[in-house]
Protein backbone atom coordinates (compact mmCIF):
# COMPACT_ATOMS: atom_id res chain seq x y z
CA MET A 1 95.01 139.80 118.97
CA THR A 2 97.15 139.32 115.86
CA GLY A 3 98.95 136.42 117.47
CA THR A 4 95.62 134.77 118.36
CA LEU A 5 94.25 135.20 114.87
CA ARG A 6 97.59 133.79 113.33
CA ALA A 7 97.17 130.59 115.75
CA ASP A 8 93.60 130.25 114.64
CA TRP A 9 94.45 130.29 110.91
CA LEU A 10 97.37 127.76 111.54
CA LEU A 11 95.01 125.48 113.54
CA MET A 12 92.35 125.71 110.89
CA PHE A 13 94.75 124.80 107.99
CA ALA A 14 96.48 122.07 110.24
CA THR A 15 92.97 120.51 110.96
CA ALA A 16 92.12 120.68 107.18
CA ARG A 17 95.46 119.03 106.18
CA VAL A 18 95.02 116.26 108.86
CA LEU A 19 91.48 115.53 107.58
CA LEU A 20 92.74 115.35 103.88
CA LEU A 21 95.47 112.94 104.86
CA ARG A 22 92.90 110.76 106.66
CA PHE A 23 90.82 110.73 103.46
CA ALA A 24 93.76 110.09 101.31
CA SER A 25 94.60 106.91 103.41
CA ASN A 26 91.21 105.37 102.63
CA PRO A 27 90.67 104.33 99.01
CA VAL A 28 86.97 104.11 99.62
CA MET A 29 86.73 107.77 100.67
CA MET A 30 88.90 108.64 97.55
CA LEU A 31 86.38 106.98 95.24
CA ARG A 32 83.28 108.23 97.14
CA MET A 33 83.26 111.80 96.37
CA PRO A 34 83.88 111.80 92.62
CA LEU A 35 81.31 109.07 92.11
CA PHE A 36 78.73 110.62 94.62
CA GLY A 37 77.73 113.55 92.56
CA VAL A 38 77.68 111.59 89.17
CA LEU A 39 75.36 108.90 90.70
CA LEU A 40 73.08 111.37 92.37
CA LEU A 41 72.80 113.40 89.14
CA LEU A 42 71.98 110.31 87.15
CA GLY A 43 69.41 109.23 89.56
CA PHE A 44 67.54 112.58 89.63
CA VAL A 45 67.69 112.74 85.68
CA LEU A 46 66.30 109.31 85.57
CA ALA A 47 63.54 110.33 88.05
CA TYR A 48 62.64 113.37 86.08
CA GLN A 49 62.47 111.35 82.71
CA VAL A 50 60.30 108.66 84.22
CA SER A 51 57.94 111.20 85.80
CA GLY A 52 57.63 112.85 82.38
CA GLN A 53 59.02 116.11 83.89
CA THR A 54 61.14 117.44 80.88
CA ALA A 55 61.25 121.22 81.78
CA VAL A 56 61.77 123.56 84.70
CA PRO A 57 60.35 126.97 84.30
CA GLY A 58 62.94 129.22 82.64
CA GLU A 59 65.88 126.71 83.08
CA ASP A 60 67.44 123.68 81.42
CA VAL A 61 66.46 120.55 83.54
CA ILE A 62 69.93 119.00 83.57
CA GLY A 63 71.60 122.19 84.32
CA PHE A 64 69.00 122.79 87.09
CA LEU A 65 69.76 119.39 88.63
CA VAL A 66 73.66 119.84 88.21
CA VAL A 67 73.37 122.90 90.33
CA GLY A 68 71.21 120.92 92.84
CA VAL A 69 73.69 118.19 93.16
CA ILE A 70 76.55 120.71 93.76
CA ALA A 71 74.42 122.40 96.51
CA THR A 72 73.98 118.72 98.03
CA MET A 73 77.64 118.23 97.92
CA ALA A 74 78.33 121.63 99.55
CA TRP A 75 75.69 120.67 102.29
CA ASN A 76 77.53 117.28 102.85
CA ALA A 77 80.87 118.88 102.79
CA THR A 78 80.27 121.68 105.35
CA VAL A 79 77.22 120.63 107.49
CA TRP A 80 78.35 116.90 107.76
CA GLY A 81 82.05 118.18 107.86
CA ALA A 82 81.91 121.24 110.08
CA GLY A 83 78.68 120.34 112.05
CA ASN A 84 80.02 116.95 112.90
CA ALA A 85 83.59 117.99 113.45
CA LEU A 86 83.44 117.51 117.30
CA GLN A 87 81.56 114.32 116.86
CA SER A 88 84.44 113.14 114.65
CA GLU A 89 86.77 114.13 117.62
CA ILE A 90 84.72 111.88 119.75
CA TYR A 91 85.04 108.93 117.60
CA GLU A 92 88.85 109.38 117.31
CA GLY A 93 89.08 109.84 121.26
CA THR A 94 90.74 113.27 120.85
CA LEU A 95 87.88 115.63 121.92
CA PRO A 96 89.28 116.10 125.49
CA ALA A 97 92.58 117.35 123.94
CA VAL A 98 90.97 119.55 121.54
CA VAL A 99 88.80 121.21 124.32
CA ALA A 100 91.48 121.38 126.84
CA ALA A 101 94.05 122.81 124.39
CA PRO A 102 94.94 126.66 124.82
CA THR A 103 93.15 127.43 121.53
CA ARG A 104 89.55 128.06 120.34
CA ILE A 105 87.22 125.31 119.03
CA GLY A 106 85.98 127.38 116.29
CA PRO A 107 89.10 126.99 114.08
CA VAL A 108 89.02 123.22 114.35
CA ILE A 109 85.43 123.06 113.19
CA LEU A 110 86.16 125.40 110.32
CA GLY A 111 89.18 123.36 109.54
CA TYR A 112 86.91 120.30 109.01
CA GLY A 113 84.81 122.34 106.73
CA LEU A 114 87.74 123.64 104.69
CA GLY A 115 89.12 120.14 104.53
CA CYS A 116 85.78 118.68 103.31
CA ILE A 117 85.53 121.59 100.68
CA CYS A 118 88.88 120.72 99.18
CA TYR A 119 87.88 117.06 99.21
CA ASP A 120 84.75 118.06 97.26
CA VAL A 121 86.47 119.80 94.36
CA SER A 122 87.06 116.77 92.17
CA GLY A 123 83.49 115.48 92.60
CA LEU A 124 82.15 118.93 91.68
CA LEU A 125 84.24 119.05 88.56
CA LEU A 126 83.25 115.62 87.45
CA THR A 127 79.63 116.21 88.13
CA VAL A 128 79.72 119.19 85.97
CA LEU A 129 81.49 117.40 83.15
CA PHE A 130 79.02 114.50 83.39
CA GLY A 131 76.03 116.91 83.35
CA THR A 132 77.40 118.33 80.09
CA VAL A 133 77.68 114.92 78.49
CA LEU A 134 74.03 114.21 79.49
CA GLY A 135 73.24 117.36 77.48
CA GLY A 136 72.97 120.04 80.09
CA ARG A 137 73.31 123.52 78.75
CA PHE A 138 75.04 126.18 80.70
CA ASP A 139 75.17 129.97 79.87
CA ILE A 140 77.99 131.71 81.84
CA ALA A 141 78.36 135.36 80.68
CA ASP A 142 80.27 136.44 83.89
CA PRO A 143 82.61 133.68 85.24
CA LEU A 144 83.36 135.94 88.10
CA ALA A 145 79.81 136.05 89.09
CA ALA A 146 79.36 132.34 88.84
CA LEU A 147 82.45 131.77 91.10
CA VAL A 148 81.24 134.29 93.70
CA CYS A 149 77.92 132.52 93.91
CA LEU A 150 79.61 129.10 94.22
CA LEU A 151 81.78 130.58 97.10
CA ALA A 152 78.57 132.08 98.64
CA LEU A 153 76.97 128.65 98.43
CA TYR A 154 79.85 127.01 100.34
CA VAL A 155 80.20 129.96 102.85
CA GLY A 156 76.48 129.82 103.64
CA THR A 157 76.59 126.07 104.17
CA LEU A 158 79.71 126.37 106.39
CA CYS A 159 77.98 128.91 108.59
CA ILE A 160 75.02 126.54 108.93
CA GLY A 161 77.55 123.84 109.88
CA LEU A 162 79.02 126.03 112.47
CA GLY A 163 75.58 127.07 113.77
CA PHE A 164 74.70 123.43 114.29
CA SER A 165 77.94 122.25 115.64
CA GLY A 166 77.32 122.98 119.28
CA LEU A 167 73.68 121.64 119.18
CA PHE A 168 75.01 118.46 117.42
CA ILE A 169 77.55 117.86 120.26
CA LEU A 170 75.27 118.60 123.07
CA SER A 171 72.42 116.57 121.68
CA ARG A 172 74.85 113.46 121.49
CA HIS A 173 72.98 112.39 118.46
CA SER A 174 74.70 114.49 115.58
CA ASN A 175 74.08 111.87 112.86
CA ALA A 176 70.46 111.56 113.67
CA LEU A 177 70.07 115.29 113.51
CA SER A 178 72.06 115.59 110.30
CA ASN A 179 69.81 112.98 108.71
CA PHE A 180 66.75 114.50 109.91
CA LEU A 181 67.58 118.03 108.71
CA GLN A 182 68.92 117.20 105.20
CA GLY A 183 65.73 116.06 103.61
CA PRO A 184 63.65 119.19 104.45
CA ILE A 185 66.52 121.32 103.52
CA TYR A 186 66.96 119.78 100.04
CA LEU A 187 63.25 120.48 99.41
CA LEU A 188 63.04 124.03 100.98
CA ALA A 189 66.18 125.30 99.53
CA GLY A 190 65.27 124.28 95.97
CA PHE A 191 67.90 121.75 95.32
CA PHE A 192 65.82 119.64 93.14
CA VAL A 193 62.24 121.19 93.07
CA PRO A 194 62.02 124.93 92.26
CA ARG A 195 61.10 127.07 95.29
CA SER A 196 58.56 128.92 93.12
CA VAL A 197 56.27 125.77 93.05
CA LEU A 198 56.08 125.35 96.80
CA PRO A 199 53.14 126.61 98.70
CA ASP A 200 53.02 130.22 99.70
CA TRP A 201 53.08 129.56 103.26
CA VAL A 202 56.38 127.75 102.91
CA GLN A 203 58.14 130.65 101.17
CA PRO A 204 59.04 132.64 104.28
CA LEU A 205 60.57 129.48 105.85
CA THR A 206 62.73 128.91 102.70
CA ASP A 207 64.00 132.62 102.73
CA VAL A 208 65.85 132.20 106.16
CA ILE A 209 67.92 129.33 104.62
CA PRO A 210 71.19 130.94 103.46
CA ILE A 211 71.77 128.41 100.79
CA SER A 212 68.34 128.86 99.11
CA HIS A 213 69.50 132.26 97.92
CA ALA A 214 72.99 131.06 96.99
CA VAL A 215 71.46 128.27 95.01
CA GLU A 216 69.15 130.61 93.01
CA ALA A 217 72.11 133.05 92.34
CA LEU A 218 74.27 130.19 91.12
CA ARG A 219 71.62 128.92 88.80
CA ALA A 220 71.00 132.50 87.43
CA THR A 221 74.74 133.00 86.77
CA THR A 222 75.33 129.50 85.22
CA LEU A 223 72.03 128.86 83.37
CA SER A 224 70.81 132.30 82.51
CA GLY A 225 73.84 134.31 81.93
CA ALA A 226 73.02 136.84 84.83
CA SER A 227 75.68 139.24 85.94
CA LEU A 228 76.83 139.90 89.46
CA ALA A 229 74.81 143.09 89.74
CA GLU A 230 71.65 140.98 88.71
CA VAL A 231 72.24 138.54 91.57
CA SER A 232 73.36 141.06 94.22
CA GLY A 233 70.04 140.88 96.07
CA ALA A 234 70.29 137.08 96.48
CA LEU A 235 73.86 137.44 97.47
CA LEU A 236 73.10 139.99 100.15
CA ALA A 237 70.24 137.72 101.42
CA THR A 238 72.78 134.94 101.68
CA VAL A 239 75.22 137.06 103.70
CA ALA A 240 72.50 138.30 106.07
CA SER A 241 71.09 134.83 106.77
CA SER A 242 74.61 133.28 106.95
CA ALA A 243 75.59 135.92 109.55
CA VAL A 244 72.54 134.77 111.63
CA PHE A 245 73.73 131.06 111.67
CA LEU A 246 77.32 132.29 112.29
CA ALA A 247 76.25 134.18 115.36
CA ILE A 248 74.23 131.13 116.58
CA GLY A 249 77.27 129.00 116.13
CA VAL A 250 79.50 131.33 118.07
CA TRP A 251 77.01 131.55 120.93
CA SER A 252 76.30 127.63 121.07
CA LEU A 253 79.92 126.70 121.03
CA ARG A 254 80.53 129.00 124.01
CA ARG A 255 77.46 127.62 125.76
CA MET A 256 78.76 124.02 125.01
CA ASP A 257 82.22 124.75 126.46
CA SER A 258 80.73 126.28 129.56
CA ALA A 259 78.35 123.51 129.97
CA LEU A 260 80.95 120.77 129.50
CA ARG A 261 83.43 122.35 131.90
CA ARG A 262 80.80 123.29 134.49
CA ARG A 263 79.26 119.79 134.58
CA ALA A 264 82.45 117.94 133.96
CA THR A 265 80.69 115.74 131.35
CA LEU A 266 83.20 115.83 128.61
CA ASP A 267 84.22 112.14 128.93
CA LEU A 268 80.51 111.11 129.02
CA LEU A 269 80.02 112.29 125.41
């Protein structure tokens, strides 16, 4: 068992390294992530100003939007990265080798997510800096709590990506599904609109999305100076809902592997 876990760890880090090298060889990709967050933040700041929305209940508007952009970046890095990992292998023509290798598929998918998260760091830092320049006000009384909430955000989205990875590959339309999902997620998880203003009948639906709790916890610790104890409930909800998506991911990947081998349709994907 120890040898299997070690092999999984090595495979995950090797996959992340290959992905980062692939990004580094593409100048456009190296510019895309740092600029993506800045341009997205600028767009929403202008949209709020044009619409006359100058306040968010209990929070600084620009700080509120900065956290929303960070959540968007986390979603793109992990759901697009991990969820579309196998689709990327199809594009590269390497999926048969990945499936046939004497290793599990899960570490490959997690490696994609880890690589995208590392790639995300520069954009995240530049977005926070740009938000500060625009006048965003942050109140971080407990830096450890803010860091834990940021990690919870990325772990939650990574679990969602793993949960959807098998569905994406079996559907053969991962890009279409990803695009279809991201709009509703941005709204329901409170990226750019407070969940509190959504209709009451929508609230239970937003509660099952792991990142909705992580986003609220991150906002509380970075904008309102909340402590780790004060956001413990939101973090527990993130862990619980993330575990559901993780279980779905493990199940769907096993089903995918079984279906592909039983039907011998791997080369048709």
